[in-house]
């Protein structure tokens, strides 16, 4: 879940004790996301489709 908005295609995401640079579409804080690709030290994300969760 995004703690801060993803703006102009870039942002940061904390996972455990690591802060990752993320890229993807502009999304609001609180949006559930899914990692679609790892590009070096950057994660590519998109909004998670909650209907696909089991």
N, C-alpha and C. Protein backbone atom coordinates (compact mmCIF):
# COMPACT_ATOMS: atom_id res chain seq x y z
N UNK A 1 0.85 -1.17 0.00
CA UNK A 1 0.00 0.00 0.00
C UNK A 1 0.90 1.24 0.00
N UNK A 2 0.54 2.21 -0.81
CA UNK A 2 1.33 3.43 -0.89
C UNK A 2 1.12 4.31 0.34
N UNK A 3 2.22 4.70 0.97
CA UNK A 3 2.14 5.64 2.10
C UNK A 3 2.10 7.07 1.60
N UNK A 4 2.73 7.32 0.45
CA UNK A 4 2.76 8.65 -0.17
C UNK A 4 2.34 8.48 -1.62
N UNK A 5 1.77 9.52 -2.23
CA UNK A 5 1.32 9.38 -3.61
C UNK A 5 2.46 9.13 -4.58
N UNK A 6 2.15 8.45 -5.66
CA UNK A 6 3.07 8.26 -6.78
C UNK A 6 2.72 9.36 -7.76
N UNK A 7 3.64 10.31 -7.93
CA UNK A 7 3.36 11.51 -8.72
C UNK A 7 4.37 11.66 -9.84
N UNK A 8 3.89 12.03 -11.01
CA UNK A 8 4.71 12.22 -12.21
C UNK A 8 5.53 10.96 -12.50
N UNK A 9 4.92 9.80 -12.19
CA UNK A 9 5.52 8.51 -12.52
C UNK A 9 6.61 8.03 -11.58
N UNK A 10 6.85 8.74 -10.46
CA UNK A 10 7.94 8.34 -9.57
C UNK A 10 7.53 8.50 -8.11
N UNK A 11 8.15 7.68 -7.26
CA UNK A 11 7.90 7.77 -5.83
C UNK A 11 8.82 6.85 -5.07
N UNK A 12 8.50 6.64 -3.80
CA UNK A 12 9.29 5.77 -2.93
C UNK A 12 8.34 4.87 -2.15
N UNK A 13 8.82 3.69 -1.81
CA UNK A 13 8.03 2.72 -1.07
C UNK A 13 8.92 2.04 -0.05
N UNK A 14 8.49 1.99 1.21
CA UNK A 14 9.22 1.29 2.25
C UNK A 14 8.74 -0.16 2.32
N UNK A 15 9.69 -1.09 2.25
CA UNK A 15 9.40 -2.52 2.40
C UNK A 15 10.36 -3.03 3.46
N UNK A 16 9.81 -3.43 4.60
CA UNK A 16 10.62 -3.81 5.76
C UNK A 16 11.57 -2.66 6.09
N UNK A 17 12.88 -2.88 6.03
CA UNK A 17 13.83 -1.82 6.39
C UNK A 17 14.50 -1.20 5.16
N UNK A 18 13.90 -1.39 3.98
CA UNK A 18 14.47 -0.88 2.74
C UNK A 18 13.51 0.09 2.07
N UNK A 19 14.06 1.20 1.57
CA UNK A 19 13.25 2.16 0.81
C UNK A 19 13.59 1.96 -0.67
N UNK A 20 12.56 1.66 -1.47
CA UNK A 20 12.70 1.43 -2.91
C UNK A 20 12.21 2.64 -3.68
N UNK A 21 12.86 2.93 -4.79
CA UNK A 21 12.34 3.89 -5.75
C UNK A 21 11.33 3.12 -6.59
N UNK A 22 10.18 3.74 -6.85
CA UNK A 22 9.15 3.08 -7.63
C UNK A 22 8.73 3.96 -8.80
N UNK A 23 8.28 3.32 -9.86
CA UNK A 23 7.75 4.02 -11.01
C UNK A 23 6.43 3.38 -11.40
N UNK A 24 5.59 4.16 -12.05
CA UNK A 24 4.30 3.67 -12.49
C UNK A 24 3.35 4.83 -12.70
N UNK A 25 2.08 4.52 -12.89
CA UNK A 25 1.10 5.59 -13.09
C UNK A 25 0.89 6.39 -11.81
N UNK A 26 0.43 7.63 -11.95
CA UNK A 26 0.13 8.44 -10.77
C UNK A 26 -0.96 7.75 -9.95
N UNK A 27 -0.69 7.57 -8.66
CA UNK A 27 -1.63 6.91 -7.76
C UNK A 27 -1.67 7.67 -6.44
N UNK A 28 -2.81 7.63 -5.78
CA UNK A 28 -2.99 8.32 -4.50
C UNK A 28 -2.40 7.51 -3.35
N UNK A 29 -2.03 8.20 -2.28
CA UNK A 29 -1.62 7.53 -1.06
C UNK A 29 -2.75 6.62 -0.60
N UNK A 30 -2.41 5.46 -0.08
CA UNK A 30 -3.40 4.50 0.38
C UNK A 30 -3.84 3.50 -0.68
N UNK A 31 -3.37 3.66 -1.92
CA UNK A 31 -3.71 2.73 -2.99
C UNK A 31 -2.95 1.43 -2.81
N UNK A 32 -3.65 0.30 -2.91
CA UNK A 32 -2.98 -1.00 -2.89
C UNK A 32 -2.31 -1.18 -4.24
N UNK A 33 -1.05 -1.61 -4.20
CA UNK A 33 -0.29 -1.74 -5.44
C UNK A 33 0.26 -3.16 -5.58
N UNK A 34 0.70 -3.44 -6.81
CA UNK A 34 1.34 -4.71 -7.13
C UNK A 34 2.62 -4.39 -7.89
N UNK A 35 3.69 -5.10 -7.56
CA UNK A 35 4.95 -4.95 -8.29
C UNK A 35 4.85 -5.79 -9.55
N UNK A 36 5.06 -5.16 -10.70
CA UNK A 36 4.97 -5.87 -11.98
C UNK A 36 6.33 -6.17 -12.58
N UNK A 37 7.36 -5.47 -12.11
CA UNK A 37 8.70 -5.63 -12.69
C UNK A 37 9.74 -5.08 -11.72
N UNK A 38 10.90 -5.67 -11.74
CA UNK A 38 12.05 -5.13 -11.01
C UNK A 38 13.04 -4.67 -12.06
N UNK A 39 13.36 -3.38 -12.05
CA UNK A 39 14.25 -2.78 -13.04
C UNK A 39 15.47 -2.24 -12.30
N UNK A 40 16.48 -3.09 -12.13
CA UNK A 40 17.66 -2.71 -11.35
C UNK A 40 17.27 -2.53 -9.89
N UNK A 41 17.46 -1.32 -9.36
CA UNK A 41 17.11 -1.02 -7.98
C UNK A 41 15.77 -0.30 -7.90
N UNK A 42 14.96 -0.42 -8.94
CA UNK A 42 13.67 0.27 -9.00
C UNK A 42 12.56 -0.75 -9.21
N UNK A 43 11.44 -0.54 -8.53
CA UNK A 43 10.27 -1.40 -8.71
C UNK A 43 9.27 -0.69 -9.60
N UNK A 44 8.71 -1.41 -10.55
CA UNK A 44 7.65 -0.90 -11.40
C UNK A 44 6.34 -1.42 -10.81
N UNK A 45 5.40 -0.51 -10.55
CA UNK A 45 4.17 -0.89 -9.85
C UNK A 45 2.93 -0.46 -10.64
N UNK A 46 1.81 -1.05 -10.27
CA UNK A 46 0.50 -0.67 -10.79
C UNK A 46 -0.50 -0.84 -9.66
N UNK A 47 -1.68 -0.29 -9.84
CA UNK A 47 -2.73 -0.47 -8.84
C UNK A 47 -3.13 -1.93 -8.84
N UNK A 48 -3.31 -2.50 -7.64
CA UNK A 48 -3.71 -3.91 -7.52
C UNK A 48 -5.20 -4.02 -7.79
N UNK A 49 -5.58 -5.03 -8.53
CA UNK A 49 -6.98 -5.32 -8.79
C UNK A 49 -7.50 -6.15 -7.63
N UNK A 50 -8.23 -5.52 -6.74
CA UNK A 50 -8.68 -6.20 -5.52
C UNK A 50 -9.62 -7.35 -5.82
N UNK A 51 -10.29 -7.36 -6.97
CA UNK A 51 -11.20 -8.46 -7.29
C UNK A 51 -10.43 -9.72 -7.63
N UNK A 52 -9.13 -9.62 -7.95
CA UNK A 52 -8.33 -10.78 -8.32
C UNK A 52 -7.77 -11.49 -7.09
N UNK A 53 -7.86 -10.87 -5.92
CA UNK A 53 -7.31 -11.47 -4.71
C UNK A 53 -8.21 -12.60 -4.24
N UNK A 54 -7.60 -13.65 -3.70
CA UNK A 54 -8.38 -14.79 -3.19
C UNK A 54 -8.39 -14.79 -1.69
